[in-house]
Amino acid sequence: PAIYDQRDQIRNMWDMRMFSKVTFDMEKGELVKSEMLAEGT
């Protein structure tokens, strides 16, 4: 989150990673289903 301390640094940061798997229909131009996951330490 863009919350800064007195030194003008972001107060809390997370090491993030993400993965998603999506099925997309190109003919219809639409999403069919998706699975998404983001995790931060």
All heavy atoms as atom14 arrays in JSON, in Angstrom:
{
  "sequence": "PAIYDQRDQIRNMWDMRMFSKVTFDMEKGELVKSEMLAEGT",
  "atom14_mask": [
    [1, 1, 1, 1, 1, 1, 1, 0, 0, 0, 0, 0, 0, 0],
    [1, 1, 1, 1, 1, 0, 0, 0, 0, 0, 0, 0, 0, 0],
    [1, 1, 1, 1, 1, 1, 1, 1, 0, 0, 0, 0, 0, 0],
    [1, 1, 1, 1, 1, 1, 1, 1, 1, 1, 1, 1, 0, 0],
    [1, 1, 1, 1, 1, 1, 1, 1, 0, 0, 0, 0, 0, 0],
    [1, 1, 1, 1, 1, 1, 1, 1, 1, 0, 0, 0, 0, 0],
    [1, 1, 1, 1, 1, 1, 1, 1, 1, 1, 1, 0, 0, 0],
    [1, 1, 1, 1, 1, 1, 1, 1, 0, 0, 0, 0, 0, 0],
    [1, 1, 1, 1, 1, 1, 1, 1, 1, 0, 0, 0, 0, 0],
    [1, 1, 1, 1, 1, 1, 1, 1, 0, 0, 0, 0, 0, 0],
    [1, 1, 1, 1, 1, 1, 1, 1, 1, 1, 1, 0, 0, 0],
    [1, 1, 1, 1, 1, 1, 1, 1, 0, 0, 0, 0, 0, 0],
    [1, 1, 1, 1, 1, 1, 1, 1, 0, 0, 0, 0, 0, 0],
    [1, 1, 1, 1, 1, 1, 1, 1, 1, 1, 1, 1, 1, 1],
    [1, 1, 1, 1, 1, 1, 1, 1, 0, 0, 0, 0, 0, 0],
    [1, 1, 1, 1, 1, 1, 1, 1, 0, 0, 0, 0, 0, 0],
    [1, 1, 1, 1, 1, 1, 1, 1, 1, 1, 1, 0, 0, 0],
    [1, 1, 1, 1, 1, 1, 1, 1, 0, 0, 0, 0, 0, 0],
    [1, 1, 1, 1, 1, 1, 1, 1, 1, 1, 1, 0, 0, 0],
    [1, 1, 1, 1, 1, 1, 0, 0, 0, 0, 0, 0, 0, 0],
    [1, 1, 1, 1, 1, 1, 1, 1, 1, 0, 0, 0, 0, 0],
    [1, 1, 1, 1, 1, 1, 1, 0, 0, 0, 0, 0, 0, 0],
    [1, 1, 1, 1, 1, 1, 1, 0, 0, 0, 0, 0, 0, 0],
    [1, 1, 1, 1, 1, 1, 1, 1, 1, 1, 1, 0, 0, 0],
    [1, 1, 1, 1, 1, 1, 1, 1, 0, 0, 0, 0, 0, 0],
    [1, 1, 1, 1, 1, 1, 1, 1, 0, 0, 0, 0, 0, 0],
    [1, 1, 1, 1, 1, 1, 1, 1, 1, 0, 0, 0, 0, 0],
    [1, 1, 1, 1, 1, 1, 1, 1, 1, 0, 0, 0, 0, 0],
    [1, 1, 1, 1, 0, 0, 0, 0, 0, 0, 0, 0, 0, 0],
    [1, 1, 1, 1, 1, 1, 1, 1, 1, 0, 0, 0, 0, 0],
    [1, 1, 1, 1, 1, 1, 1, 1, 0, 0, 0, 0, 0, 0],
    [1, 1, 1, 1, 1, 1, 1, 0, 0, 0, 0, 0, 0, 0],
    [1, 1, 1, 1, 1, 1, 1, 1, 1, 0, 0, 0, 0, 0],
    [1, 1, 1, 1, 1, 1, 0, 0, 0, 0, 0, 0, 0, 0],
    [1, 1, 1, 1, 1, 1, 1, 1, 1, 0, 0, 0, 0, 0],
    [1, 1, 1, 1, 1, 1, 1, 1, 0, 0, 0, 0, 0, 0],
    [1, 1, 1, 1, 1, 1, 1, 1, 0, 0, 0, 0, 0, 0],
    [1, 1, 1, 1, 1, 0, 0, 0, 0, 0, 0, 0, 0, 0],
    [1, 1, 1, 1, 1, 1, 1, 1, 1, 0, 0, 0, 0, 0],
    [1, 1, 1, 1, 0, 0, 0, 0, 0, 0, 0, 0, 0, 0],
    [1, 1, 1, 1, 1, 1, 1, 0, 0, 0, 0, 0, 0, 0]
  ],
  "atom14_positions": [
    [[0.83, -1.2, 0.0], [0.0, 0.0, 0.0], [0.86, 1.25, 0.0], [1.91, 1.29, 0.64], [-0.8, -0.12, 1.31], [-0.77, -1.59, 1.63], [0.55, -2.08, 1.15], [0.0, 0.0, 0.0], [0.0, 0.0, 0.0], [0.0, 0.0, 0.0], [0.0, 0.0, 0.0], [0.0, 0.0, 0.0], [0.0, 0.0, 0.0], [0.0, 0.0, 0.0]],
    [[0.42, 2.28, -0.7], [1.2, 3.51, -0.84], [1.07, 4.39, 0.41], [0.57, 5.52, 0.35], [0.77, 4.27, -2.09], [0.0, 0.0, 0.0], [0.0, 0.0, 0.0], [0.0, 0.0, 0.0], [0.0, 0.0, 0.0], [0.0, 0.0, 0.0], [0.0, 0.0, 0.0], [0.0, 0.0, 0.0], [0.0, 0.0, 0.0], [0.0, 0.0, 0.0]],
    [[1.53, 3.86, 1.53], [1.53, 4.57, 2.81], [2.99, 4.8, 3.19], [3.76, 3.84, 3.33], [0.82, 3.75, 3.9], [-0.62, 3.42, 3.45], [0.81, 4.5, 5.23], [-1.34, 2.47, 4.39], [0.0, 0.0, 0.0], [0.0, 0.0, 0.0], [0.0, 0.0, 0.0], [0.0, 0.0, 0.0], [0.0, 0.0, 0.0], [0.0, 0.0, 0.0]],
    [[3.37, 6.05, 3.37], [4.78, 6.41, 3.53], [5.1, 6.77, 4.98], [4.25, 7.29, 5.72], [5.14, 7.57, 2.61], [5.06, 7.19, 1.14], [3.84, 7.27, 0.46], [6.17, 6.74, 0.45], [3.75, 6.91, -0.88], [6.1, 6.39, -0.89], [4.89, 6.47, -1.55], [4.8, 6.12, -2.87], [0.0, 0.0, 0.0], [0.0, 0.0, 0.0]],
    [[6.35, 6.49, 5.38], [6.8, 6.84, 6.72], [7.44, 8.24, 6.7], [7.41, 8.94, 5.7], [7.76, 5.78, 7.28], [9.01, 5.61, 6.42], [9.35, 6.54, 5.64], [9.66, 4.54, 6.51], [0.0, 0.0, 0.0], [0.0, 0.0, 0.0], [0.0, 0.0, 0.0], [0.0, 0.0, 0.0], [0.0, 0.0, 0.0], [0.0, 0.0, 0.0]],
    [[8.05, 8.61, 7.83], [8.63, 9.94, 7.95], [9.83, 10.15, 7.03], [10.23, 11.28, 6.75], [9.02, 10.21, 9.39], [7.82, 10.27, 10.34], [8.23, 10.48, 11.78], [9.4, 10.33, 12.13], [7.27, 10.84, 12.62], [0.0, 0.0, 0.0], [0.0, 0.0, 0.0], [0.0, 0.0, 0.0], [0.0, 0.0, 0.0], [0.0, 0.0, 0.0]],
    [[10.42, 9.05, 6.57], [11.56, 9.15, 5.65], [11.11, 9.11, 4.19], [11.92, 8.95, 3.29], [12.55, 8.02, 5.93], [13.18, 8.07, 7.32], [14.07, 6.87, 7.55], [13.3, 5.62, 7.51], [13.83, 4.4, 7.53], [15.16, 4.28, 7.55], [13.07, 3.34, 7.53], [0.0, 0.0, 0.0], [0.0, 0.0, 0.0], [0.0, 0.0, 0.0]],
    [[9.79, 9.21, 3.99], [9.2, 9.19, 2.65], [9.44, 7.86, 1.96], [9.61, 7.79, 0.73], [9.75, 10.34, 1.8], [8.8, 10.69, 0.64], [7.58, 10.49, 0.8], [9.29, 11.12, -0.41], [0.0, 0.0, 0.0], [0.0, 0.0, 0.0], [0.0, 0.0, 0.0], [0.0, 0.0, 0.0], [0.0, 0.0, 0.0], [0.0, 0.0, 0.0]],
    [[9.48, 6.79, 2.75], [9.57, 5.44, 2.21], [8.28, 4.68, 2.52], [7.62, 4.96, 3.52], [10.77, 4.7, 2.82], [12.12, 5.3, 2.47], [13.27, 4.56, 3.11], [13.09, 3.8, 4.05], [14.46, 4.79, 2.61], [0.0, 0.0, 0.0], [0.0, 0.0, 0.0], [0.0, 0.0, 0.0], [0.0, 0.0, 0.0], [0.0, 0.0, 0.0]],
    [[7.93, 3.75, 1.63], [6.72, 2.96, 1.86], [6.88, 2.16, 3.15], [7.88, 1.48, 3.35], [6.43, 2.05, 0.67], [6.17, 2.9, -0.58], [5.22, 1.16, 0.94], [5.93, 2.09, -1.82], [0.0, 0.0, 0.0], [0.0, 0.0, 0.0], [0.0, 0.0, 0.0], [0.0, 0.0, 0.0], [0.0, 0.0, 0.0], [0.0, 0.0, 0.0]],
    [[5.9, 2.26, 4.03], [6.01, 1.7, 5.37], [6.15, 0.18, 5.38], [6.96, -0.38, 6.1], [4.78, 2.12, 6.2], [4.9, 1.79, 7.68], [3.75, 2.41, 8.44], [2.47, 1.79, 8.1], [1.3, 2.17, 8.61], [1.25, 3.2, 9.44], [0.18, 1.57, 8.27], [0.0, 0.0, 0.0], [0.0, 0.0, 0.0], [0.0, 0.0, 0.0]],
    [[5.35, -0.49, 4.58], [5.36, -1.95, 4.53], [5.36, -2.43, 3.09], [4.58, -1.93, 2.27], [4.15, -2.54, 5.26], [4.21, -2.32, 6.76], [5.21, -2.64, 7.4], [3.15, -1.78, 7.33], [0.0, 0.0, 0.0], [0.0, 0.0, 0.0], [0.0, 0.0, 0.0], [0.0, 0.0, 0.0], [0.0, 0.0, 0.0], [0.0, 0.0, 0.0]],
    [[6.25, -3.37, 2.8], [6.35, -3.94, 1.45], [6.31, -5.46, 1.53], [6.74, -6.05, 2.52], [7.66, -3.5, 0.78], [7.79, -2.0, 0.57], [6.71, -1.39, -0.74], [7.63, -1.91, -2.2], [0.0, 0.0, 0.0], [0.0, 0.0, 0.0], [0.0, 0.0, 0.0], [0.0, 0.0, 0.0], [0.0, 0.0, 0.0], [0.0, 0.0, 0.0]],
    [[5.79, -6.06, 0.48], [5.69, -7.51, 0.4], [6.44, -8.01, -0.84], [6.35, -7.39, -1.91], [4.23, -7.95, 0.29], [3.47, -7.92, 1.58], [3.11, -8.99, 2.35], [2.93, -6.77, 2.25], [2.41, -8.57, 3.46], [2.29, -7.21, 3.42], [2.95, -5.4, 1.98], [1.66, -6.34, 4.31], [2.33, -4.53, 2.87], [1.71, -5.01, 4.02]],
    [[7.16, -9.11, -0.71], [7.7, -9.82, -1.85], [6.56, -10.63, -2.45], [6.06, -11.59, -1.84], [8.86, -10.74, -1.44], [10.1, -9.95, -1.07], [10.35, -8.9, -1.69], [10.83, -10.38, -0.15], [0.0, 0.0, 0.0], [0.0, 0.0, 0.0], [0.0, 0.0, 0.0], [0.0, 0.0, 0.0], [0.0, 0.0, 0.0], [0.0, 0.0, 0.0]],
    [[6.13, -10.24, -3.67], [4.92, -10.79, -4.28], [5.24, -11.74, -5.42], [6.24, -11.57, -6.12], [4.07, -9.64, -4.83], [3.6, -8.62, -3.8], [2.26, -9.24, -2.78], [0.97, -9.45, -4.01], [0.0, 0.0, 0.0], [0.0, 0.0, 0.0], [0.0, 0.0, 0.0], [0.0, 0.0, 0.0], [0.0, 0.0, 0.0], [0.0, 0.0, 0.0]],
    [[4.38, -12.68, -5.61], [4.41, -13.53, -6.79], [2.98, -13.87, -7.17], [2.07, -13.85, -6.32], [5.21, -14.81, -6.56], [4.76, -15.64, -5.37], [5.59, -16.89, -5.22], [5.13, -17.69, -4.08], [5.4, -18.98, -3.9], [6.13, -19.61, -4.83], [4.96, -19.63, -2.86], [0.0, 0.0, 0.0], [0.0, 0.0, 0.0], [0.0, 0.0, 0.0]],
    [[2.75, -14.14, -8.44], [1.4, -14.44, -8.89], [1.41, -15.45, -10.02], [2.42, -15.61, -10.73], [0.67, -13.17, -9.34], [1.21, -12.43, -10.55], [0.69, -13.11, -12.17], [-1.08, -12.9, -12.09], [0.0, 0.0, 0.0], [0.0, 0.0, 0.0], [0.0, 0.0, 0.0], [0.0, 0.0, 0.0], [0.0, 0.0, 0.0], [0.0, 0.0, 0.0]],
    [[0.29, -16.13, -10.17], [0.09, -17.06, -11.28], [-1.38, -17.04, -11.64], [-2.25, -16.96, -10.76], [0.51, -18.48, -10.92], [0.18, -19.49, -11.98], [0.94, -19.55, -13.14], [-0.9, -20.35, -11.85], [0.63, -20.45, -14.15], [-1.22, -21.25, -12.85], [-0.45, -21.31, -14.0], [0.0, 0.0, 0.0], [0.0, 0.0, 0.0], [0.0, 0.0, 0.0]],
    [[-1.67, -17.11, -12.93], [-3.06, -17.25, -13.37], [-3.13, -18.18, -14.56], [-2.17, -18.29, -15.35], [-3.67, -15.89, -13.72], [-3.11, -15.36, -14.9], [0.0, 0.0, 0.0], [0.0, 0.0, 0.0], [0.0, 0.0, 0.0], [0.0, 0.0, 0.0], [0.0, 0.0, 0.0], [0.0, 0.0, 0.0], [0.0, 0.0, 0.0], [0.0, 0.0, 0.0]],
    [[-4.26, -18.83, -14.68], [-4.53, -19.72, -15.81], [-5.93, -19.39, -16.3], [-6.91, -19.51, -15.56], [-4.44, -21.18, -15.37], [-4.56, -22.19, -16.51], [-4.32, -23.6, -15.99], [-4.35, -24.62, -17.12], [-4.07, -26.0, -16.61], [0.0, 0.0, 0.0], [0.0, 0.0, 0.0], [0.0, 0.0, 0.0], [0.0, 0.0, 0.0], [0.0, 0.0, 0.0]],
    [[-6.02, -18.96, -17.56], [-7.25, -18.41, -18.11], [-7.59, -19.13, -19.4], [-6.7, -19.39, -20.23], [-7.1, -16.9, -18.37], [-8.27, -16.35, -19.16], [-6.91, -16.14, -17.06], [0.0, 0.0, 0.0], [0.0, 0.0, 0.0], [0.0, 0.0, 0.0], [0.0, 0.0, 0.0], [0.0, 0.0, 0.0], [0.0, 0.0, 0.0], [0.0, 0.0, 0.0]],
    [[-8.86, -19.43, -19.58], [-9.36, -19.91, -20.87], [-10.09, -18.77, -21.54], [-11.01, -18.18, -20.95], [-10.29, -21.11, -20.7], [-9.59, -22.18, -20.04], [-10.79, -21.61, -22.05], [0.0, 0.0, 0.0], [0.0, 0.0, 0.0], [0.0, 0.0, 0.0], [0.0, 0.0, 0.0], [0.0, 0.0, 0.0], [0.0, 0.0, 0.0], [0.0, 0.0, 0.0]],
    [[-9.67, -18.45, -22.77], [-10.22, -17.3, -23.5], [-10.7, -17.77, -24.86], [-10.03, -18.53, -25.55], [-9.14, -16.22, -23.65], [-9.65, -14.93, -24.2], [-10.26, -14.0, -23.38], [-9.52, -14.63, -25.56], [-10.73, -12.8, -23.89], [-9.99, -13.43, -26.08], [-10.6, -12.51, -25.24], [0.0, 0.0, 0.0], [0.0, 0.0, 0.0], [0.0, 0.0, 0.0]],
    [[-11.89, -17.31, -25.25], [-12.48, -17.65, -26.56], [-12.15, -16.53, -27.53], [-12.67, -15.42, -27.42], [-13.99, -17.83, -26.43], [-14.62, -18.43, -27.68], [-14.23, -18.02, -28.8], [-15.49, -19.3, -27.55], [0.0, 0.0, 0.0], [0.0, 0.0, 0.0], [0.0, 0.0, 0.0], [0.0, 0.0, 0.0], [0.0, 0.0, 0.0], [0.0, 0.0, 0.0]],
    [[-11.25, -16.79, -28.49], [-10.82, -15.76, -29.43], [-11.92, -15.38, -30.42], [-12.02, -14.23, -30.84], [-9.57, -16.23, -30.19], [-8.35, -16.42, -29.31], [-6.85, -16.77, -30.28], [-7.3, -18.37, -31.01], [0.0, 0.0, 0.0], [0.0, 0.0, 0.0], [0.0, 0.0, 0.0], [0.0, 0.0, 0.0], [0.0, 0.0, 0.0], [0.0, 0.0, 0.0]],
    [[-12.74, -16.34, -30.81], [-13.8, -16.05, -31.78], [-14.84, -15.1, -31.17], [-15.27, -14.13, -31.8], [-14.47, -17.34, -32.23], [-15.59, -17.13, -33.25], [-16.22, -18.43, -33.7], [-15.64, -19.5, -33.45], [-17.3, -18.36, -34.31], [0.0, 0.0, 0.0], [0.0, 0.0, 0.0], [0.0, 0.0, 0.0], [0.0, 0.0, 0.0], [0.0, 0.0, 0.0]],
    [[-15.23, -15.37, -29.93], [-16.22, -14.53, -29.26], [-15.59, -13.33, -28.57], [-16.3, -12.39, -28.19], [-17.02, -15.36, -28.26], [-17.83, -16.47, -28.9], [-18.6, -17.25, -27.83], [-19.44, -18.36, -28.46], [-20.17, -19.14, -27.42], [0.0, 0.0, 0.0], [0.0, 0.0, 0.0], [0.0, 0.0, 0.0], [0.0, 0.0, 0.0], [0.0, 0.0, 0.0]],
    [[-14.28, -13.38, -28.38], [-13.6, -12.3, -27.68], [-14.02, -12.18, -26.24], [-14.31, -11.08, -25.76], [0.0, 0.0, 0.0], [0.0, 0.0, 0.0], [0.0, 0.0, 0.0], [0.0, 0.0, 0.0], [0.0, 0.0, 0.0], [0.0, 0.0, 0.0], [0.0, 0.0, 0.0], [0.0, 0.0, 0.0], [0.0, 0.0, 0.0], [0.0, 0.0, 0.0]],
    [[-14.03, -13.3, -25.51], [-14.53, -13.27, -24.14], [-13.82, -14.29, -23.26], [-13.28, -15.29, -23.73], [-16.03, -13.53, -24.11], [-16.42, -14.92, -24.58], [-17.93, -15.15, -24.59], [-18.67, -14.15, -24.51], [-18.36, -16.31, -24.69], [0.0, 0.0, 0.0], [0.0, 0.0, 0.0], [0.0, 0.0, 0.0], [0.0, 0.0, 0.0], [0.0, 0.0, 0.0]],
    [[-13.85, -14.02, -21.98], [-13.32, -14.92, -20.96], [-14.28, -16.08, -20.75], [-15.5, -15.89, -20.68], [-13.14, -14.14, -19.65], [-12.79, -14.94, -18.39], [-11.39, -15.51, -18.49], [-12.91, -14.05, -17.15], [0.0, 0.0, 0.0], [0.0, 0.0, 0.0], [0.0, 0.0, 0.0], [0.0, 0.0, 0.0], [0.0, 0.0, 0.0], [0.0, 0.0, 0.0]],
    [[-13.74, -17.29, -20.63], [-14.53, -18.47, -20.34], [-14.4, -18.83, -18.86], [-15.4, -19.03, -18.16], [-14.12, -19.65, -21.22], [-14.92, -20.91, -20.86], [-14.3, -19.3, -22.7], [0.0, 0.0, 0.0], [0.0, 0.0, 0.0], [0.0, 0.0, 0.0], [0.0, 0.0, 0.0], [0.0, 0.0, 0.0], [0.0, 0.0, 0.0], [0.0, 0.0, 0.0]],
    [[-13.17, -18.9, -18.38], [-12.94, -19.16, -16.96], [-11.53, -18.72, -16.6], [-10.66, -18.59, -17.48], [-13.14, -20.63, -16.61], [-12.16, -21.58, -17.29], [-12.43, -23.03, -16.85], [-11.47, -24.0, -17.53], [-11.71, -25.4, -17.1], [0.0, 0.0, 0.0], [0.0, 0.0, 0.0], [0.0, 0.0, 0.0], [0.0, 0.0, 0.0], [0.0, 0.0, 0.0]],
    [[-11.3, -18.49, -15.32], [-9.96, -18.12, -14.89], [-9.72, -18.56, -13.45], [-10.65, -18.68, -12.65], [-9.76, -16.6, -15.01], [-10.49, -15.9, -14.01], [0.0, 0.0, 0.0], [0.0, 0.0, 0.0], [0.0, 0.0, 0.0], [0.0, 0.0, 0.0], [0.0, 0.0, 0.0], [0.0, 0.0, 0.0], [0.0, 0.0, 0.0], [0.0, 0.0, 0.0]],
    [[-8.45, -18.82, -13.16], [-7.98, -19.09, -11.81], [-6.78, -18.18, -11.59], [-5.83, -18.2, -12.38], [-7.55, -20.55, -11.65], [-8.64, -21.56, -11.88], [-8.07, -22.98, -11.84], [-7.53, -23.4, -12.89], [-8.13, -23.63, -10.8], [0.0, 0.0, 0.0], [0.0, 0.0, 0.0], [0.0, 0.0, 0.0], [0.0, 0.0, 0.0], [0.0, 0.0, 0.0]],
    [[-6.82, -17.4, -10.52], [-5.74, -16.47, -10.25], [-5.33, -16.56, -8.78], [-6.17, -16.76, -7.9], [-6.16, -15.03, -10.55], [-6.51, -14.79, -12.01], [-6.83, -13.03, -12.33], [-7.15, -13.09, -14.1], [0.0, 0.0, 0.0], [0.0, 0.0, 0.0], [0.0, 0.0, 0.0], [0.0, 0.0, 0.0], [0.0, 0.0, 0.0], [0.0, 0.0, 0.0]],
    [[-4.04, -16.4, -8.56], [-3.51, -16.44, -7.2], [-2.35, -15.47, -7.09], [-1.44, -15.45, -7.93], [-3.0, -17.85, -6.86], [-2.26, -18.01, -5.54], [-3.16, -17.72, -4.35], [-1.65, -19.4, -5.43], [0.0, 0.0, 0.0], [0.0, 0.0, 0.0], [0.0, 0.0, 0.0], [0.0, 0.0, 0.0], [0.0, 0.0, 0.0], [0.0, 0.0, 0.0]],
    [[-2.39, -14.62, -6.07], [-1.26, -13.75, -5.73], [-0.95, -13.95, -4.26], [-1.86, -14.05, -3.43], [-1.59, -12.29, -6.01], [0.0, 0.0, 0.0], [0.0, 0.0, 0.0], [0.0, 0.0, 0.0], [0.0, 0.0, 0.0], [0.0, 0.0, 0.0], [0.0, 0.0, 0.0], [0.0, 0.0, 0.0], [0.0, 0.0, 0.0], [0.0, 0.0, 0.0]],
    [[0.34, -14.0, -3.93], [0.75, -14.21, -2.55], [1.96, -13.33, -2.26], [2.86, -13.18, -3.09], [1.11, -15.67, -2.31], [1.45, -15.98, -0.85], [1.67, -17.47, -0.62], [2.32, -18.1, -1.47], [1.19, -18.0, 0.38], [0.0, 0.0, 0.0], [0.0, 0.0, 0.0], [0.0, 0.0, 0.0], [0.0, 0.0, 0.0], [0.0, 0.0, 0.0]],
    [[1.97, -12.71, -1.08], [3.05, -11.83, -0.7], [3.56, -12.12, 0.7], [2.77, -12.38, 1.61], [0.0, 0.0, 0.0], [0.0, 0.0, 0.0], [0.0, 0.0, 0.0], [0.0, 0.0, 0.0], [0.0, 0.0, 0.0], [0.0, 0.0, 0.0], [0.0, 0.0, 0.0], [0.0, 0.0, 0.0], [0.0, 0.0, 0.0], [0.0, 0.0, 0.0]],
    [[4.88, -12.07, 0.87], [5.53, -12.24, 2.18], [6.14, -10.92, 2.6], [6.86, -10.28, 1.81], [6.62, -13.32, 2.1], [6.03, -14.54, 1.63], [7.24, -13.56, 3.47], [0.0, 0.0, 0.0], [0.0, 0.0, 0.0], [0.0, 0.0, 0.0], [0.0, 0.0, 0.0], [0.0, 0.0, 0.0], [0.0, 0.0, 0.0], [0.0, 0.0, 0.0]]
  ]
}
